[in-house]
Amino acid sequence: MGDMERATCSEDINNNLKEILFELKKQQVDITSLKQQVSLPVSSKQDHNDIKWKYEGNKQQYDFNCDVHEGIKQCMWAIEN
């Protein structure tokens, strides 16, 4: 392989690497944008420390129901967006 062929080969490799780097940077920007779009709103579950629950099971059921409701809201948000 002559000097001219090596130089051409090196240029081709450098050009390919630049293209790959450019594409990776573009994908990084796309991923960042998608992360921002997918970030879900803050949970609306409120702590009800001031409520006196008659039974501990009532509080556990309330917490469970809030978690299920929040999951459904997030799914609906994801479907709509």
PDB file of N, CA and C in Angstrom:
ATOM      1  N   MET A   1       0.852  -1.172   0.000  1.00  0.00           N
ATOM      2  CA  MET A   1       0.000   0.000   0.000  1.00  0.00           C
ATOM      3  C   MET A   1       0.899   1.236   0.000  1.00  0.00           C
ATOM      4  N   GLY A   2       0.700   2.092  -0.954  1.00  0.00           N
ATOM      5  CA  GLY A   2       1.518   3.288  -1.086  1.00  0.00           C
ATOM      6  C   GLY A   2       1.055   4.389  -0.157  1.00  0.00           C
ATOM      7  N   ASP A   3       1.867   5.430  -0.097  1.00  0.00           N
ATOM      8  CA  ASP A   3       1.548   6.572   0.765  1.00  0.00           C
ATOM      9  C   ASP A   3       0.223   7.227   0.372  1.00  0.00           C
ATOM     10  N   MET A   4      -0.047   7.305  -0.909  1.00  0.00           N
ATOM     11  CA  MET A   4      -1.276   7.932  -1.387  1.00  0.00           C
ATOM     12  C   MET A   4      -2.490   7.112  -0.952  1.00  0.00           C
ATOM     13  N   GLU A   5      -2.389   5.787  -1.039  1.00  0.00           N
ATOM     14  CA  GLU A   5      -3.491   4.914  -0.641  1.00  0.00           C
ATOM     15  C   GLU A   5      -3.731   5.005   0.862  1.00  0.00           C
ATOM     16  N   ARG A   6      -2.649   5.072   1.649  1.00  0.00           N
ATOM     17  CA  ARG A   6      -2.773   5.196   3.104  1.00  0.00           C
ATOM     18  C   ARG A   6      -3.441   6.512   3.485  1.00  0.00           C
ATOM     19  N   ALA A   7      -3.053   7.577   2.812  1.00  0.00           N
ATOM     20  CA  ALA A   7      -3.642   8.882   3.099  1.00  0.00           C
ATOM     21  C   ALA A   7      -5.130   8.880   2.778  1.00  0.00           C
ATOM     22  N   THR A   8      -5.494   8.293   1.650  1.00  0.00           N
ATOM     23  CA  THR A   8      -6.907   8.207   1.273  1.00  0.00           C
ATOM     24  C   THR A   8      -7.673   7.353   2.265  1.00  0.00           C
ATOM     25  N   CYS A   9      -7.076   6.253   2.666  1.00  0.00           N
ATOM     26  CA  CYS A   9      -7.704   5.351   3.638  1.00  0.00           C
ATOM     27  C   CYS A   9      -7.892   6.066   4.979  1.00  0.00           C
ATOM     28  N   SER A  10      -6.881   6.790   5.421  1.00  0.00           N
ATOM     29  CA  SER A  10      -6.970   7.537   6.680  1.00  0.00           C
ATOM     30  C   SER A  10      -8.051   8.612   6.601  1.00  0.00           C
ATOM     31  N   GLU A  11      -8.132   9.289   5.471  1.00  0.00           N
ATOM     32  CA  GLU A  11      -9.170  10.308   5.293  1.00  0.00           C
ATOM     33  C   GLU A  11     -10.556   9.678   5.344  1.00  0.00           C
ATOM     34  N   ASP A  12     -10.703   8.527   4.691  1.00  0.00           N
ATOM     35  CA  ASP A  12     -11.994   7.828   4.708  1.00  0.00           C
ATOM     36  C   ASP A  12     -12.372   7.430   6.135  1.00  0.00           C
ATOM     37  N   ILE A  13     -11.409   6.920   6.869  1.00  0.00           N
ATOM     38  CA  ILE A  13     -11.671   6.527   8.259  1.00  0.00           C
ATOM     39  C   ILE A  13     -12.048   7.749   9.083  1.00  0.00           C
ATOM     40  N   ASN A  14     -11.308   8.834   8.937  1.00  0.00           N
ATOM     41  CA  ASN A  14     -11.612  10.059   9.672  1.00  0.00           C
ATOM     42  C   ASN A  14     -12.998  10.593   9.320  1.00  0.00           C
ATOM     43  N   ASN A  15     -13.341  10.569   8.043  1.00  0.00           N
ATOM     44  CA  ASN A  15     -14.661  11.037   7.624  1.00  0.00           C
ATOM     45  C   ASN A  15     -15.760  10.152   8.206  1.00  0.00           C
ATOM     46  N   ASN A  16     -15.539   8.854   8.172  1.00  0.00           N
ATOM     47  CA  ASN A  16     -16.527   7.935   8.740  1.00  0.00           C
ATOM     48  C   ASN A  16     -16.682   8.161  10.241  1.00  0.00           C
ATOM     49  N   LEU A  17     -15.577   8.356  10.935  1.00  0.00           N
ATOM     50  CA  LEU A  17     -15.640   8.603  12.373  1.00  0.00           C
ATOM     51  C   LEU A  17     -16.354   9.917  12.679  1.00  0.00           C
ATOM     52  N   LYS A  18     -16.115  10.933  11.873  1.00  0.00           N
ATOM     53  CA  LYS A  18     -16.799  12.216  12.063  1.00  0.00           C
ATOM     54  C   LYS A  18     -18.301  12.065  11.859  1.00  0.00           C
ATOM     55  N   GLU A  19     -18.683  11.300  10.836  1.00  0.00           N
ATOM     56  CA  GLU A  19     -20.109  11.060  10.584  1.00  0.00           C
ATOM     57  C   GLU A  19     -20.750  10.307  11.749  1.00  0.00           C
ATOM     58  N   ILE A  20     -20.044   9.299  12.243  1.00  0.00           N
ATOM     59  CA  ILE A  20     -20.562   8.519  13.374  1.00  0.00           C
ATOM     60  C   ILE A  20     -20.689   9.398  14.607  1.00  0.00           C
ATOM     61  N   LEU A  21     -19.689  10.207  14.880  1.00  0.00           N
ATOM     62  CA  LEU A  21     -19.722  11.106  16.031  1.00  0.00           C
ATOM     63  C   LEU A  21     -20.866  12.109  15.902  1.00  0.00           C
ATOM     64  N   PHE A  22     -21.048  12.652  14.710  1.00  0.00           N
ATOM     65  CA  PHE A  22     -22.147  13.591  14.469  1.00  0.00           C
ATOM     66  C   PHE A  22     -23.493  12.910  14.727  1.00  0.00           C
ATOM     67  N   GLU A  23     -23.643  11.699  14.230  1.00  0.00           N
ATOM     68  CA  GLU A  23     -24.898  10.959  14.419  1.00  0.00           C
ATOM     69  C   GLU A  23     -25.128  10.645  15.899  1.00  0.00           C
ATOM     70  N   LEU A  24     -24.091  10.272  16.617  1.00  0.00           N
ATOM     71  CA  LEU A  24     -24.231   9.993  18.053  1.00  0.00           C
ATOM     72  C   LEU A  24     -24.648  11.242  18.823  1.00  0.00           C
ATOM     73  N   LYS A  25     -24.061  12.381  18.475  1.00  0.00           N
ATOM     74  CA  LYS A  25     -24.446  13.633  19.140  1.00  0.00           C
ATOM     75  C   LYS A  25     -25.898  13.977  18.850  1.00  0.00           C
ATOM     76  N   LYS A  26     -26.315  13.747  17.612  1.00  0.00           N
ATOM     77  CA  LYS A  26     -27.707  14.006  17.237  1.00  0.00           C
ATOM     78  C   LYS A  26     -28.648  13.078  18.020  1.00  0.00           C
ATOM     79  N   GLN A  27     -28.264  11.826  18.159  1.00  0.00           N
ATOM     80  CA  GLN A  27     -29.084  10.879  18.913  1.00  0.00           C
ATOM     81  C   GLN A  27     -29.135  11.262  20.387  1.00  0.00           C
ATOM     82  N   GLN A  28     -28.030  11.765  20.913  1.00  0.00           N
ATOM     83  CA  GLN A  28     -28.002  12.199  22.310  1.00  0.00           C
ATOM     84  C   GLN A  28     -28.994  13.345  22.527  1.00  0.00           C
ATOM     85  N   VAL A  29     -29.040  14.276  21.593  1.00  0.00           N
ATOM     86  CA  VAL A  29     -29.992  15.389  21.683  1.00  0.00           C
ATOM     87  C   VAL A  29     -31.417  14.844  21.604  1.00  0.00           C
ATOM     88  N   ASP A  30     -31.643  13.895  20.695  1.00  0.00           N
ATOM     89  CA  ASP A  30     -32.976  13.293  20.560  1.00  0.00           C
ATOM     90  C   ASP A  30     -33.393  12.584  21.845  1.00  0.00           C
ATOM     91  N   ILE A  31     -32.477  11.851  22.441  1.00  0.00           N
ATOM     92  CA  ILE A  31     -32.778  11.131  23.678  1.00  0.00           C
ATOM     93  C   ILE A  31     -33.105  12.107  24.803  1.00  0.00           C
ATOM     94  N   THR A  32     -32.341  13.171  24.904  1.00  0.00           N
ATOM     95  CA  THR A  32     -32.606  14.184  25.930  1.00  0.00           C
ATOM     96  C   THR A  32     -33.990  14.792  25.733  1.00  0.00           C
ATOM     97  N   SER A  33     -34.319  15.077  24.489  1.00  0.00           N
ATOM     98  CA  SER A  33     -35.638  15.635  24.182  1.00  0.00           C
ATOM     99  C   SER A  33     -36.738  14.650  24.547  1.00  0.00           C
ATOM    100  N   LEU A  34     -36.551  13.392  24.229  1.00  0.00           N
ATOM    101  CA  LEU A  34     -37.555  12.381  24.563  1.00  0.00           C
ATOM    102  C   LEU A  34     -37.708  12.203  26.068  1.00  0.00           C
ATOM    103  N   LYS A  35     -36.605  12.272  26.786  1.00  0.00           N
ATOM    104  CA  LYS A  35     -36.680  12.170  28.247  1.00  0.00           C
ATOM    105  C   LYS A  35     -37.534  13.293  28.818  1.00  0.00           C
ATOM    106  N   GLN A  36     -37.367  14.481  28.278  1.00  0.00           N
ATOM    107  CA  GLN A  36     -38.149  15.620  28.759  1.00  0.00           C
ATOM    108  C   GLN A  36     -39.625  15.443  28.421  1.00  0.00           C
ATOM    109  N   GLN A  37     -39.919  14.878  27.261  1.00  0.00           N
ATOM    110  CA  GLN A  37     -41.304  14.670  26.868  1.00  0.00           C
ATOM    111  C   GLN A  37     -41.967  13.587  27.714  1.00  0.00           C
ATOM    112  N   VAL A  38     -41.187  12.585  28.084  1.00  0.00           N
ATOM    113  CA  VAL A  38     -41.741  11.441  28.798  1.00  0.00           C
ATOM    114  C   VAL A  38     -41.828  11.695  30.295  1.00  0.00           C
ATOM    115  N   SER A  39     -41.070  12.643  30.803  1.00  0.00           N
ATOM    116  CA  SER A  39     -41.102  12.872  32.243  1.00  0.00           C
ATOM    117  C   SER A  39     -42.535  13.168  32.666  1.00  0.00           C
ATOM    118  N   LEU A  40     -42.987  12.413  33.617  1.00  0.00           N
ATOM    119  CA  LEU A  40     -44.382  12.485  34.033  1.00  0.00           C
ATOM    120  C   LEU A  40     -44.590  13.584  35.056  1.00  0.00           C
ATOM    121  N   PRO A  41     -45.801  14.096  35.103  1.00  0.00           N
ATOM    122  CA  PRO A  41     -46.096  15.117  36.103  1.00  0.00           C
ATOM    123  C   PRO A  41     -45.907  14.570  37.518  1.00  0.00           C
ATOM    124  N   VAL A  42     -45.667  15.467  38.428  1.00  0.00           N
ATOM    125  CA  VAL A  42     -45.448  15.081  39.817  1.00  0.00           C
ATOM    126  C   VAL A  42     -46.725  14.452  40.367  1.00  0.00           C
ATOM    127  N   SER A  43     -46.536  13.460  41.194  1.00  0.00           N
ATOM    128  CA  SER A  43     -47.673  12.751  41.773  1.00  0.00           C
ATOM    129  C   SER A  43     -48.577  13.708  42.535  1.00  0.00           C
ATOM    130  N   SER A  44     -49.867  13.471  42.396  1.00  0.00           N
ATOM    131  CA  SER A  44     -50.830  14.330  43.083  1.00  0.00           C
ATOM    132  C   SER A  44     -51.251  13.738  44.419  1.00  0.00           C
ATOM    133  N   LYS A  45     -50.643  12.602  44.777  1.00  0.00           N
ATOM    134  CA  LYS A  45     -50.985  11.971  46.050  1.00  0.00           C
ATOM    135  C   LYS A  45     -50.556  12.889  47.196  1.00  0.00           C
ATOM    136  N   GLN A  46     -51.478  13.104  48.098  1.00  0.00           N
ATOM    137  CA  GLN A  46     -51.187  13.979  49.222  1.00  0.00           C
ATOM    138  C   GLN A  46     -51.108  13.138  50.491  1.00  0.00           C
ATOM    139  N   ASP A  47     -50.217  13.534  51.369  1.00  0.00           N
ATOM    140  CA  ASP A  47     -50.156  12.864  52.663  1.00  0.00           C
ATOM    141  C   ASP A  47     -51.283  13.395  53.526  1.00  0.00           C
ATOM    142  N   HIS A  48     -52.017  12.500  54.073  1.00  0.00           N
ATOM    143  CA  HIS A  48     -53.120  12.875  54.947  1.00  0.00           C
ATOM    144  C   HIS A  48     -52.748  12.509  56.378  1.00  0.00           C
ATOM    145  N   ASN A  49     -51.698  13.184  56.870  1.00  0.00           N
ATOM    146  CA  ASN A  49     -51.242  12.912  58.234  1.00  0.00           C
ATOM    147  C   ASN A  49     -52.235  13.402  59.272  1.00  0.00           C
ATOM    148  N   ASP A  50     -53.053  14.375  58.903  1.00  0.00           N
ATOM    149  CA  ASP A  50     -53.996  14.943  59.855  1.00  0.00           C
ATOM    150  C   ASP A  50     -55.248  14.072  60.021  1.00  0.00           C
ATOM    151  N   ILE A  51     -55.432  13.099  59.117  1.00  0.00           N
ATOM    152  CA  ILE A  51     -56.608  12.226  59.218  1.00  0.00           C
ATOM    153  C   ILE A  51     -56.329  11.141  60.245  1.00  0.00           C
ATOM    154  N   LYS A  52     -57.297  10.924  61.106  1.00  0.00           N
ATOM    155  CA  LYS A  52     -57.203   9.826  62.083  1.00  0.00           C
ATOM    156  C   LYS A  52     -57.979   8.654  61.497  1.00  0.00           C
ATOM    157  N   TRP A  53     -57.250   7.650  61.043  1.00  0.00           N
ATOM    158  CA  TRP A  53     -57.873   6.485  60.451  1.00  0.00           C
ATOM    159  C   TRP A  53     -58.418   5.590  61.564  1.00  0.00           C
ATOM    160  N   LYS A  54     -59.634   5.095  61.377  1.00  0.00           N
ATOM    161  CA  LYS A  54     -60.239   4.229  62.380  1.00  0.00           C
ATOM    162  C   LYS A  54     -59.460   2.924  62.481  1.00  0.00           C
ATOM    163  N   TYR A  55     -59.048   2.417  61.316  1.00  0.00           N
ATOM    164  CA  TYR A  55     -58.252   1.188  61.271  1.00  0.00           C
ATOM    165  C   TYR A  55     -57.053   1.415  60.363  1.00  0.00           C
ATOM    166  N   GLU A  56     -55.939   0.767  60.686  1.00  0.00           N
ATOM    167  CA  GLU A  56     -54.726   0.887  59.870  1.00  0.00           C
ATOM    168  C   GLU A  56     -54.995   0.377  58.452  1.00  0.00           C
ATOM    169  N   GLY A  57     -55.855  -0.615  58.326  1.00  0.00           N
ATOM    170  CA  GLY A  57     -56.189  -1.165  57.009  1.00  0.00           C
ATOM    171  C   GLY A  57     -56.827  -0.131  56.098  1.00  0.00           C
ATOM    172  N   ASN A  58     -57.590   0.792  56.682  1.00  0.00           N
ATOM    173  CA  ASN A  58     -58.197   1.846  55.869  1.00  0.00           C
ATOM    174  C   ASN A  58     -57.137   2.728  55.233  1.00  0.00           C
ATOM    175  N   LYS A  59     -56.116   3.073  55.993  1.00  0.00           N
ATOM    176  CA  LYS A  59     -55.019   3.897  55.472  1.00  0.00           C
ATOM    177  C   LYS A  59     -54.250   3.128  54.397  1.00  0.00           C
ATOM    178  N   GLN A  60     -54.005   1.846  54.655  1.00  0.00           N
ATOM    179  CA  GLN A  60     -53.298   1.029  53.665  1.00  0.00           C
ATOM    180  C   GLN A  60     -54.095   0.934  52.370  1.00  0.00           C
ATOM    181  N   GLN A  61     -55.420   0.761  52.498  1.00  0.00           N
ATOM    182  CA  GLN A  61     -56.265   0.680  51.302  1.00  0.00           C
ATOM    183  C   GLN A  61     -56.263   2.007  50.550  1.00  0.00           C
ATOM    184  N   TYR A  62     -56.310   3.110  51.304  1.00  0.00           N
ATOM    185  CA  TYR A  62     -56.274   4.429  50.681  1.00  0.00           C
ATOM    186  C   TYR A  62     -54.959   4.619  49.916  1.00  0.00           C
ATOM    187  N   ASP A  63     -53.842   4.269  50.549  1.00  0.00           N
ATOM    188  CA  ASP A  63     -52.536   4.402  49.897  1.00  0.00           C
ATOM    189  C   ASP A  63     -52.473   3.535  48.643  1.00  0.00           C
ATOM    190  N   PHE A  64     -52.974   2.314  48.738  1.00  0.00           N
ATOM    191  CA  PHE A  64     -52.981   1.409  47.592  1.00  0.00           C
ATOM    192  C   PHE A  64     -53.823   2.004  46.457  1.00  0.00           C
ATOM    193  N   ASN A  65     -55.009   2.484  46.790  1.00  0.00           N
ATOM    194  CA  ASN A  65     -55.886   3.065  45.779  1.00  0.00           C
ATOM    195  C   ASN A  65     -55.248   4.283  45.118  1.00  0.00           C
ATOM    196  N   CYS A  66     -54.565   5.108  45.902  1.00  0.00           N
ATOM    197  CA  CYS A  66     -53.873   6.275  45.341  1.00  0.00           C
ATOM    198  C   CYS A  66     -52.776   5.842  44.373  1.00  0.00           C
ATOM    199  N   ASP A  67     -52.043   4.787  44.735  1.00  0.00           N
ATOM    200  CA  ASP A  67     -50.984   4.292  43.852  1.00  0.00           C
ATOM    201  C   ASP A  67     -51.564   3.776  42.543  1.00  0.00           C
ATOM    202  N   VAL A  68     -52.663   3.028  42.626  1.00  0.00           N
ATOM    203  CA  VAL A  68     -53.306   2.512  41.421  1.00  0.00           C
ATOM    204  C   VAL A  68     -53.815   3.672  40.568  1.00  0.00           C
ATOM    205  N   HIS A  69     -54.450   4.633  41.208  1.00  0.00           N
ATOM    206  CA  HIS A  69     -54.976   5.800  40.486  1.00  0.00           C
ATOM    207  C   HIS A  69     -53.846   6.554  39.796  1.00  0.00           C
ATOM    208  N   GLU A  70     -52.734   6.731  40.484  1.00  0.00           N
ATOM    209  CA  GLU A  70     -51.593   7.445  39.905  1.00  0.00           C
ATOM    210  C   GLU A  70     -51.045   6.683  38.702  1.00  0.00           C
ATOM    211  N   GLY A  71     -50.966   5.347  38.814  1.00  0.00           N
ATOM    212  CA  GLY A  71     -50.497   4.536  37.692  1.00  0.00           C
ATOM    213  C   GLY A  71     -51.405   4.668  36.482  1.00  0.00           C
ATOM    214  N   ILE A  72     -52.715   4.679  36.714  1.00  0.00           N
ATOM    215  CA  ILE A  72     -53.668   4.827  35.622  1.00  0.00           C
ATOM    216  C   ILE A  72     -53.529   6.209  34.988  1.00  0.00           C
ATOM    217  N   LYS A  73     -53.370   7.242  35.816  1.00  0.00           N
ATOM    218  CA  LYS A  73     -53.191   8.598  35.279  1.00  0.00           C
ATOM    219  C   LYS A  73     -51.941   8.677  34.414  1.00  0.00           C
ATOM    220  N   GLN A  74     -50.857   8.036  34.850  1.00  0.00           N
ATOM    221  CA  GLN A  74     -49.618   8.066  34.080  1.00  0.00           C
ATOM    222  C   GLN A  74     -49.788   7.320  32.763  1.00  0.00           C
ATOM    223  N   CYS A  75     -50.496   6.195  32.797  1.00  0.00           N
ATOM    224  CA  CYS A  75     -50.752   5.451  31.556  1.00  0.00           C
ATOM    225  C   CYS A  75     -51.588   6.284  30.587  1.00  0.00           C
ATOM    226  N   MET A  76     -52.605   6.924  31.094  1.00  0.00           N
ATOM    227  CA  MET A  76     -53.461   7.749  30.242  1.00  0.00           C
ATOM    228  C   MET A  76     -52.665   8.921  29.659  1.00  0.00           C
ATOM    229  N   TRP A  77     -51.791   9.519  30.479  1.00  0.00           N
ATOM    230  CA  TRP A  77     -50.951  10.607  30.000  1.00  0.00           C
ATOM    231  C   TRP A  77     -50.035  10.117  28.887  1.00  0.00           C
ATOM    232  N   ALA A  78     -49.451   8.908  29.082  1.00  0.00           N
ATOM    233  CA  ALA A  78     -48.532   8.365  28.084  1.00  0.00           C
ATOM    234  C   ALA A  78     -49.263   8.069  26.771  1.00  0.00           C
ATOM    235  N   ILE A  79     -50.502   7.591  26.868  1.00  0.00           N
ATOM    236  CA  ILE A  79     -51.277   7.296  25.661  1.00  0.00           C
ATOM    237  C   ILE A  79     -51.601   8.578  24.907  1.00  0.00           C
ATOM    238  N   GLU A  80     -51.962   9.616  25.647  1.00  0.00           N
ATOM    239  CA  GLU A  80     -52.351  10.870  25.022  1.00  0.00           C
ATOM    240  C   GLU A  80     -51.176  11.637  24.431  1.00  0.00           C
ATOM    241  N   ASN A  81     -49.971  11.412  24.960  1.00  0.00           N
ATOM    242  CA  ASN A  81     -48.798  12.172  24.498  1.00  0.00           C
ATOM    243  C   ASN A  81     -47.887  11.312  23.734  1.00  0.00           C
TER     244      ASN A  81
END
